[in-house]
Amino acid sequence: MKTQNEAISEGYNVDLSGPGRPMGARGKYPHFEVIPLLTDMEAELLNTLGLIRKLLTEGAPSKDAQEGVVLAIDGLLSVART
C-alpha cells in the first residue's frame, strides 16, 4: 500500500472524508483506479519499525541513532495516546 503523500505525488486524489481506510483515486469515470492507502498512523509505525530494524542489524548503534529511534517511538506513542 502507498502512503497518502506517495499517492498524491503519483497523481491520485486522496479521500479522507469517509469512515475507515483512506482511499486514493486516479482517472475519470468510468475508467478510474481506486487504491487503499495507509493511514498516517500505519505509515509512522512502518517507518519506526524500519528504523528499529536498521538499528538492530547494524550492530552497536551510535548515541545519535539510539536517540533518533527513541524519538520516533515517543512520537508514535504520543499520537496513539491522543
Protein backbone atom coordinates (compact mmCIF):
# COMPACT_ATOMS: atom_id res chain seq x y z
CA MET A 1 0.00 0.00 0.00
CA LYS A 2 1.03 3.57 -0.56
CA THR A 3 1.15 6.41 1.91
CA GLN A 4 -1.12 9.38 1.37
CA ASN A 5 1.85 11.55 0.31
CA GLU A 6 3.07 8.91 -2.17
CA ALA A 7 -0.41 8.68 -3.71
CA ILE A 8 -0.70 12.45 -4.07
CA SER A 9 2.74 12.68 -5.70
CA GLU A 10 1.67 9.96 -8.18
CA GLY A 11 -1.43 11.89 -9.22
CA TYR A 12 -4.09 10.26 -7.05
CA ASN A 13 -6.84 12.25 -5.40
CA VAL A 14 -6.94 11.28 -1.74
CA ASP A 15 -10.25 10.99 0.10
CA LEU A 16 -10.07 11.11 3.89
CA SER A 17 -13.72 12.02 4.47
CA GLY A 18 -15.29 8.61 4.84
CA PRO A 19 -15.10 6.18 7.73
CA GLY A 20 -12.41 3.53 7.66
CA ARG A 21 -9.41 3.30 5.37
CA PRO A 22 -8.40 6.32 3.27
CA MET A 23 -8.64 5.79 -0.48
CA GLY A 24 -6.88 7.22 -3.49
CA ALA A 25 -8.47 7.57 -6.93
CA ARG A 26 -6.98 8.45 -10.32
CA GLY A 27 -8.63 8.82 -13.71
CA LYS A 28 -12.12 9.72 -14.94
CA TYR A 29 -15.37 7.80 -14.64
CA PRO A 30 -15.92 5.06 -15.82
CA HIS A 31 -12.21 4.35 -16.21
CA PHE A 32 -10.58 5.11 -12.90
CA GLU A 33 -8.35 3.31 -10.46
CA VAL A 34 -9.08 3.21 -6.73
CA ILE A 35 -6.45 2.05 -4.24
CA PRO A 36 -6.43 1.69 -0.45
CA LEU A 37 -3.93 3.88 1.38
CA LEU A 38 -2.08 3.61 4.65
CA THR A 39 -3.33 5.80 7.44
CA ASP A 40 -0.84 8.29 8.89
CA MET A 41 -0.50 6.09 11.99
CA GLU A 42 0.27 2.99 9.91
CA ALA A 43 2.86 4.87 7.89
CA GLU A 44 4.56 6.13 11.07
CA LEU A 45 4.53 2.64 12.56
CA LEU A 46 6.18 1.17 9.47
CA ASN A 47 8.77 3.95 9.46
CA THR A 48 9.55 3.38 13.15
CA LEU A 49 9.82 -0.38 12.68
CA GLY A 50 12.21 0.22 9.78
CA LEU A 51 14.39 2.41 12.00
CA ILE A 52 14.41 -0.22 14.74
CA ARG A 53 15.33 -2.96 12.26
CA LYS A 54 18.15 -0.88 10.82
CA LEU A 55 19.42 -0.11 14.30
CA LEU A 56 19.42 -3.78 15.29
CA THR A 57 21.07 -5.05 12.11
CA GLU A 58 23.90 -2.50 12.05
CA GLY A 59 25.41 -3.67 15.32
CA ALA A 60 26.28 -1.31 18.15
CA PRO A 61 24.27 1.86 17.47
CA SER A 62 25.65 5.34 17.89
CA LYS A 63 24.15 7.61 20.53
CA ASP A 64 22.51 9.70 17.77
CA ALA A 65 20.93 6.59 16.23
CA GLN A 66 19.59 5.49 19.60
CA GLU A 67 18.12 8.92 20.26
CA GLY A 68 16.54 9.02 16.80
CA VAL A 69 14.78 5.71 17.32
CA VAL A 70 13.62 6.69 20.82
CA LEU A 71 12.24 9.99 19.45
CA ALA A 72 10.42 8.15 16.66
CA ILE A 73 8.87 5.71 19.15
CA ASP A 74 7.92 8.55 21.51
CA GLY A 75 6.27 10.41 18.63
CA LEU A 76 4.33 7.35 17.57
CA LEU A 77 3.18 6.67 21.12
CA SER A 78 2.11 10.25 21.68
CA VAL A 79 -0.09 10.15 18.58
CA ALA A 80 -1.57 6.79 19.59
CA ARG A 81 -2.50 8.07 23.06
CA THR A 82 -4.37 11.18 21.89
